[in-house]
N, C-alpha and C. Protein backbone atom coordinates (compact mmCIF):
# COMPACT_ATOMS: atom_id res chain seq x y z
N MET A 1 26.87 20.97 -16.77
CA MET A 1 27.13 21.91 -15.71
C MET A 1 26.68 21.39 -14.35
N PRO A 2 25.46 20.78 -14.23
CA PRO A 2 25.04 20.27 -12.92
C PRO A 2 25.99 19.18 -12.40
N GLU A 3 26.54 18.40 -13.30
CA GLU A 3 27.49 17.35 -12.88
C GLU A 3 28.75 17.97 -12.28
N ARG A 4 29.17 19.07 -12.83
CA ARG A 4 30.37 19.76 -12.33
C ARG A 4 30.11 20.34 -10.94
N LYS A 5 28.92 20.91 -10.72
CA LYS A 5 28.56 21.45 -9.40
C LYS A 5 28.49 20.33 -8.36
N ARG A 6 27.95 19.21 -8.78
CA ARG A 6 27.85 18.06 -7.87
C ARG A 6 29.23 17.58 -7.44
N LYS A 7 30.14 17.47 -8.38
CA LYS A 7 31.50 17.03 -8.06
C LYS A 7 32.21 18.05 -7.17
N LEU A 8 31.96 19.33 -7.40
CA LEU A 8 32.56 20.37 -6.57
C LEU A 8 32.04 20.29 -5.13
N LYS A 9 30.73 20.05 -4.97
CA LYS A 9 30.14 19.91 -3.63
C LYS A 9 30.74 18.71 -2.90
N ILE A 10 30.91 17.62 -3.60
CA ILE A 10 31.49 16.43 -2.99
C ILE A 10 32.93 16.69 -2.58
N LEU A 11 33.68 17.37 -3.44
CA LEU A 11 35.08 17.69 -3.12
C LEU A 11 35.16 18.61 -1.89
N LEU A 12 34.31 19.63 -1.83
CA LEU A 12 34.30 20.53 -0.68
C LEU A 12 33.89 19.80 0.61
N LEU A 13 32.94 18.89 0.48
CA LEU A 13 32.53 18.10 1.63
C LEU A 13 33.70 17.28 2.18
N HIS A 14 34.46 16.67 1.29
CA HIS A 14 35.62 15.89 1.72
C HIS A 14 36.72 16.78 2.30
N ILE A 15 36.90 17.95 1.73
CA ILE A 15 37.93 18.86 2.23
C ILE A 15 37.60 19.32 3.65
N VAL A 16 36.32 19.47 3.97
CA VAL A 16 35.92 19.92 5.30
C VAL A 16 35.80 18.73 6.27
N LEU A 17 35.18 17.66 5.82
CA LEU A 17 34.86 16.55 6.71
C LEU A 17 36.08 15.72 7.10
N LEU A 18 36.96 15.43 6.19
CA LEU A 18 38.11 14.57 6.47
C LEU A 18 39.03 15.16 7.55
N PRO A 19 39.45 16.42 7.45
CA PRO A 19 40.29 16.96 8.54
C PRO A 19 39.56 17.04 9.88
N THR A 20 38.26 17.29 9.85
CA THR A 20 37.49 17.34 11.09
C THR A 20 37.49 15.99 11.79
N VAL A 21 37.26 14.92 11.05
CA VAL A 21 37.26 13.58 11.63
C VAL A 21 38.65 13.21 12.14
N LEU A 22 39.67 13.50 11.35
CA LEU A 22 41.04 13.20 11.77
C LEU A 22 41.41 13.97 13.04
N TYR A 23 41.03 15.23 13.13
CA TYR A 23 41.31 16.01 14.32
C TYR A 23 40.60 15.44 15.54
N ALA A 24 39.36 14.99 15.37
CA ALA A 24 38.61 14.42 16.49
C ALA A 24 39.31 13.17 17.02
N PHE A 25 39.76 12.29 16.13
CA PHE A 25 40.48 11.10 16.57
C PHE A 25 41.79 11.47 17.26
N TYR A 26 42.49 12.44 16.72
CA TYR A 26 43.74 12.88 17.31
C TYR A 26 43.51 13.48 18.70
N PHE A 27 42.46 14.27 18.84
CA PHE A 27 42.15 14.91 20.11
C PHE A 27 41.92 13.88 21.21
N PHE A 28 41.19 12.80 20.90
CA PHE A 28 40.90 11.81 21.92
C PHE A 28 42.09 10.91 22.25
N THR A 29 43.12 10.92 21.43
CA THR A 29 44.32 10.14 21.76
C THR A 29 45.29 10.93 22.62
N LEU A 30 45.02 12.20 22.88
CA LEU A 30 45.92 13.03 23.68
C LEU A 30 45.74 12.85 25.18
N ALA A 31 44.80 12.04 25.61
CA ALA A 31 44.55 11.86 27.03
C ALA A 31 45.80 11.32 27.73
N PRO A 32 46.17 11.89 28.87
CA PRO A 32 47.40 11.48 29.54
C PRO A 32 47.34 10.07 30.12
N ARG A 33 46.16 9.62 30.54
CA ARG A 33 46.03 8.28 31.10
C ARG A 33 44.63 7.77 30.79
N PRO A 34 44.41 6.48 30.92
CA PRO A 34 43.06 5.98 30.64
C PRO A 34 42.04 6.51 31.65
N TRP A 35 40.82 6.57 31.23
CA TRP A 35 39.76 7.06 32.09
C TRP A 35 39.54 6.07 33.22
N THR A 36 39.33 6.57 34.41
CA THR A 36 39.04 5.69 35.54
C THR A 36 37.54 5.71 35.79
N GLY A 37 37.05 4.58 36.23
CA GLY A 37 35.63 4.47 36.53
C GLY A 37 35.31 5.01 37.91
N VAL A 38 34.04 5.00 38.26
CA VAL A 38 33.59 5.50 39.56
C VAL A 38 34.17 4.65 40.68
N ASP A 39 34.27 3.33 40.46
CA ASP A 39 34.81 2.45 41.49
C ASP A 39 36.23 2.85 41.86
N GLU A 40 37.05 3.08 40.85
CA GLU A 40 38.46 3.40 41.11
C GLU A 40 38.62 4.82 41.63
N ALA A 41 37.90 5.76 41.04
CA ALA A 41 38.11 7.17 41.37
C ALA A 41 37.49 7.57 42.70
N VAL A 42 36.34 7.01 43.06
CA VAL A 42 35.63 7.48 44.25
C VAL A 42 35.56 6.41 45.34
N VAL A 43 35.02 5.25 44.99
CA VAL A 43 34.74 4.24 46.00
C VAL A 43 36.02 3.72 46.64
N GLU A 44 37.02 3.37 45.82
CA GLU A 44 38.28 2.85 46.37
C GLU A 44 39.00 3.91 47.22
N LYS A 45 38.90 5.15 46.81
CA LYS A 45 39.55 6.23 47.57
C LYS A 45 38.96 6.33 48.98
N PHE A 46 37.63 6.35 49.09
CA PHE A 46 36.99 6.43 50.40
C PHE A 46 37.19 5.15 51.21
N ALA A 47 37.24 3.99 50.54
CA ALA A 47 37.47 2.73 51.25
C ALA A 47 38.87 2.72 51.87
N LYS A 48 39.87 3.21 51.16
CA LYS A 48 41.24 3.26 51.70
C LYS A 48 41.33 4.24 52.86
N GLU A 49 40.61 5.36 52.78
CA GLU A 49 40.61 6.33 53.86
C GLU A 49 40.03 5.75 55.14
N HIS A 50 39.10 4.83 55.02
CA HIS A 50 38.44 4.26 56.19
C HIS A 50 38.96 2.87 56.53
N GLY A 51 40.09 2.48 55.94
CA GLY A 51 40.73 1.24 56.31
C GLY A 51 40.15 -0.02 55.71
N ARG A 52 39.39 0.06 54.65
CA ARG A 52 38.81 -1.12 53.99
C ARG A 52 39.45 -1.27 52.62
N GLU A 53 40.26 -2.27 52.46
CA GLU A 53 40.90 -2.53 51.17
C GLU A 53 39.98 -3.37 50.29
N ALA A 54 40.19 -3.29 49.00
CA ALA A 54 39.39 -4.08 48.06
C ALA A 54 39.75 -5.55 48.19
N ARG A 55 38.72 -6.40 48.12
CA ARG A 55 38.93 -7.84 48.16
C ARG A 55 38.65 -8.44 46.79
N LYS A 56 39.12 -9.65 46.61
CA LYS A 56 38.85 -10.38 45.37
C LYS A 56 37.37 -10.75 45.34
N PRO A 57 36.71 -10.64 44.19
CA PRO A 57 35.29 -10.97 44.13
C PRO A 57 35.04 -12.46 44.37
N LEU A 58 33.83 -12.76 44.87
CA LEU A 58 33.46 -14.14 45.15
C LEU A 58 33.42 -14.96 43.86
N ILE A 59 32.81 -14.43 42.84
CA ILE A 59 32.78 -15.06 41.52
C ILE A 59 33.57 -14.15 40.60
N ASP A 60 34.76 -14.59 40.22
CA ASP A 60 35.64 -13.74 39.41
C ASP A 60 35.43 -14.04 37.93
N PRO A 61 34.92 -13.07 37.17
CA PRO A 61 34.71 -13.32 35.74
C PRO A 61 36.00 -13.29 34.94
N GLY A 62 37.08 -12.89 35.55
CA GLY A 62 38.35 -12.85 34.84
C GLY A 62 38.49 -11.57 34.04
N GLU A 63 39.47 -11.56 33.18
CA GLU A 63 39.73 -10.40 32.32
C GLU A 63 38.91 -10.53 31.04
N GLY A 64 38.69 -9.41 30.40
CA GLY A 64 38.00 -9.42 29.12
C GLY A 64 36.52 -9.17 29.25
N ASP A 65 35.79 -9.66 28.27
CA ASP A 65 34.37 -9.36 28.18
C ASP A 65 33.50 -10.56 28.52
N LEU A 66 33.96 -11.45 29.38
CA LEU A 66 33.17 -12.62 29.73
C LEU A 66 31.87 -12.23 30.40
N LEU A 67 31.93 -11.30 31.35
CA LEU A 67 30.73 -10.87 32.04
C LEU A 67 29.74 -10.21 31.09
N LEU A 68 30.24 -9.42 30.16
CA LEU A 68 29.39 -8.79 29.15
C LEU A 68 28.71 -9.84 28.28
N PHE A 69 29.45 -10.88 27.92
CA PHE A 69 28.89 -11.96 27.10
C PHE A 69 27.81 -12.71 27.86
N VAL A 70 28.01 -12.94 29.16
CA VAL A 70 27.00 -13.64 29.97
C VAL A 70 25.71 -12.82 30.02
N PHE A 71 25.82 -11.51 30.20
CA PHE A 71 24.63 -10.66 30.19
C PHE A 71 23.95 -10.65 28.83
N LEU A 72 24.73 -10.69 27.77
CA LEU A 72 24.17 -10.74 26.42
C LEU A 72 23.37 -12.01 26.21
N VAL A 73 23.91 -13.15 26.60
CA VAL A 73 23.21 -14.42 26.44
C VAL A 73 21.96 -14.45 27.30
N ALA A 74 22.05 -13.97 28.55
CA ALA A 74 20.87 -13.95 29.42
C ALA A 74 19.78 -13.04 28.85
N GLY A 75 20.16 -11.92 28.28
CA GLY A 75 19.17 -11.03 27.66
C GLY A 75 18.53 -11.65 26.44
N ALA A 76 19.32 -12.37 25.65
CA ALA A 76 18.77 -13.03 24.46
C ALA A 76 17.80 -14.13 24.86
N VAL A 77 18.14 -14.93 25.86
CA VAL A 77 17.25 -15.99 26.32
C VAL A 77 15.97 -15.39 26.91
N GLY A 78 16.11 -14.36 27.73
CA GLY A 78 14.93 -13.71 28.30
C GLY A 78 14.05 -13.08 27.24
N GLY A 79 14.67 -12.45 26.24
CA GLY A 79 13.89 -11.86 25.14
C GLY A 79 13.18 -12.90 24.32
N PHE A 80 13.84 -14.03 24.07
CA PHE A 80 13.18 -15.11 23.32
C PHE A 80 11.99 -15.65 24.11
N ALA A 81 12.17 -15.87 25.41
CA ALA A 81 11.08 -16.40 26.23
C ALA A 81 9.91 -15.41 26.29
N ALA A 82 10.22 -14.12 26.46
CA ALA A 82 9.15 -13.11 26.51
C ALA A 82 8.42 -13.03 25.18
N GLY A 83 9.14 -13.12 24.08
CA GLY A 83 8.48 -13.10 22.77
C GLY A 83 7.65 -14.33 22.51
N TYR A 84 8.12 -15.47 22.97
CA TYR A 84 7.40 -16.73 22.75
C TYR A 84 6.10 -16.75 23.53
N TYR A 85 6.12 -16.24 24.75
CA TYR A 85 4.93 -16.25 25.59
C TYR A 85 4.26 -14.88 25.67
N TRP A 86 4.41 -14.04 24.63
CA TRP A 86 3.90 -12.67 24.65
C TRP A 86 2.41 -12.59 24.91
N ARG A 87 1.62 -13.42 24.23
CA ARG A 87 0.17 -13.35 24.39
C ARG A 87 -0.26 -13.65 25.82
N LYS A 88 0.38 -14.62 26.42
CA LYS A 88 0.00 -14.96 27.81
C LYS A 88 0.48 -13.89 28.78
N LEU A 89 1.55 -13.19 28.45
CA LEU A 89 2.06 -12.16 29.34
C LEU A 89 1.18 -10.93 29.36
N VAL A 90 0.62 -10.54 28.22
CA VAL A 90 -0.11 -9.27 28.14
C VAL A 90 -1.62 -9.42 28.15
N SER A 91 -2.14 -10.60 27.98
CA SER A 91 -3.58 -10.74 27.89
C SER A 91 -4.16 -11.15 29.24
N GLU A 92 -5.32 -10.60 29.57
CA GLU A 92 -5.98 -10.94 30.82
C GLU A 92 -6.67 -12.29 30.73
N SER A 93 -7.22 -12.62 29.56
CA SER A 93 -7.98 -13.86 29.42
C SER A 93 -7.09 -15.05 29.11
N GLY A 94 -5.83 -14.82 28.89
CA GLY A 94 -4.93 -15.92 28.58
C GLY A 94 -5.13 -16.43 27.16
N PHE A 95 -5.43 -15.54 26.22
CA PHE A 95 -5.63 -15.91 24.82
C PHE A 95 -4.44 -16.71 24.34
N SER A 96 -4.69 -17.91 23.87
CA SER A 96 -3.58 -18.79 23.53
C SER A 96 -3.52 -19.12 22.05
N GLY A 97 -4.12 -18.33 21.22
CA GLY A 97 -3.93 -18.53 19.78
C GLY A 97 -5.03 -19.37 19.16
N LEU A 98 -4.67 -20.50 18.56
CA LEU A 98 -5.59 -21.29 17.76
C LEU A 98 -6.73 -21.90 18.57
N LYS A 99 -6.52 -22.23 19.82
CA LYS A 99 -7.56 -22.86 20.62
C LYS A 99 -8.78 -21.96 20.75
N ASP A 100 -8.60 -20.68 20.98
CA ASP A 100 -9.70 -19.74 21.18
C ASP A 100 -9.99 -18.91 19.94
N ARG A 101 -9.54 -19.36 18.79
CA ARG A 101 -9.63 -18.52 17.60
C ARG A 101 -11.07 -18.24 17.20
N GLN A 102 -11.99 -19.18 17.43
CA GLN A 102 -13.37 -18.93 17.01
C GLN A 102 -14.01 -17.81 17.84
N ASP A 103 -13.48 -17.55 19.02
CA ASP A 103 -14.03 -16.47 19.84
C ASP A 103 -13.54 -15.10 19.38
N TYR A 104 -12.45 -15.05 18.63
CA TYR A 104 -11.85 -13.79 18.20
C TYR A 104 -11.64 -13.84 16.68
N PRO A 105 -12.73 -13.68 15.87
CA PRO A 105 -12.54 -13.77 14.42
C PRO A 105 -11.74 -12.58 13.88
N LEU A 106 -10.96 -12.86 12.87
CA LEU A 106 -10.23 -11.79 12.19
C LEU A 106 -11.21 -11.01 11.33
N SER A 107 -10.84 -9.82 10.95
CA SER A 107 -11.75 -9.02 10.13
C SER A 107 -11.99 -9.73 8.81
N GLY A 108 -13.23 -9.84 8.43
CA GLY A 108 -13.60 -10.51 7.20
C GLY A 108 -13.96 -11.96 7.41
N GLU A 109 -13.65 -12.55 8.57
CA GLU A 109 -14.01 -13.93 8.85
C GLU A 109 -15.35 -13.97 9.56
N SER A 110 -16.00 -15.09 9.45
CA SER A 110 -17.26 -15.27 10.12
C SER A 110 -17.02 -15.78 11.53
N ALA A 111 -17.82 -15.31 12.48
CA ALA A 111 -17.70 -15.78 13.85
C ALA A 111 -18.26 -17.18 14.00
N ASN A 112 -19.11 -17.59 13.07
CA ASN A 112 -19.73 -18.91 13.11
C ASN A 112 -19.22 -19.72 11.92
N PRO A 113 -18.29 -20.65 12.13
CA PRO A 113 -17.73 -21.39 11.00
C PRO A 113 -18.75 -22.28 10.31
N ALA A 114 -19.83 -22.68 11.01
CA ALA A 114 -20.86 -23.52 10.39
C ALA A 114 -21.68 -22.72 9.40
N ASN A 115 -21.84 -21.40 9.61
CA ASN A 115 -22.63 -20.57 8.72
C ASN A 115 -21.79 -19.35 8.34
N PRO A 116 -20.97 -19.47 7.30
CA PRO A 116 -20.09 -18.37 6.95
C PRO A 116 -20.80 -17.10 6.49
N ASP A 117 -22.10 -17.20 6.14
CA ASP A 117 -22.83 -16.03 5.69
C ASP A 117 -23.47 -15.26 6.85
N SER A 118 -23.27 -15.72 8.07
CA SER A 118 -23.88 -15.04 9.21
C SER A 118 -23.22 -13.69 9.42
N ASP A 119 -23.97 -12.81 10.10
CA ASP A 119 -23.46 -11.47 10.37
C ASP A 119 -22.38 -11.54 11.45
N ASN A 120 -21.20 -11.04 11.13
CA ASN A 120 -20.11 -11.08 12.10
C ASN A 120 -19.86 -9.72 12.70
N GLY A 121 -20.78 -8.79 12.55
CA GLY A 121 -20.64 -7.49 13.15
C GLY A 121 -19.89 -6.50 12.31
N ILE A 122 -19.47 -6.89 11.14
CA ILE A 122 -18.72 -5.99 10.26
C ILE A 122 -19.69 -5.40 9.25
N GLN A 123 -19.75 -4.11 9.20
CA GLN A 123 -20.63 -3.45 8.24
C GLN A 123 -19.97 -3.46 6.88
N GLY A 124 -20.67 -3.83 5.87
CA GLY A 124 -20.03 -3.87 4.58
C GLY A 124 -20.90 -3.62 3.49
């Protein structure tokens, strides 16, 4: 019996969800023309009213997603550099990892490598 209820719930979910999704896609295809951006709808309109026509850009990225790809690559390179130098970016003392490791022992390690039984400030 529980298996039958489960199948009925799934069937009802499909009966409700599928037409809803199809209607949503259909609704968005009814637009009479493509959406215009702020540049086309507002800025170009006021520029034409005041006698300033649009000029060709100095650096033309062309058609397509070339400009988007350039921003993606620049963000990836910047993110890699920030991650690589994270400790130097956020630390005041310039903690650089292994060089200063004896000054910053991990929990359970001794602050004095010559005497591992020395008190490292951890109560245990």
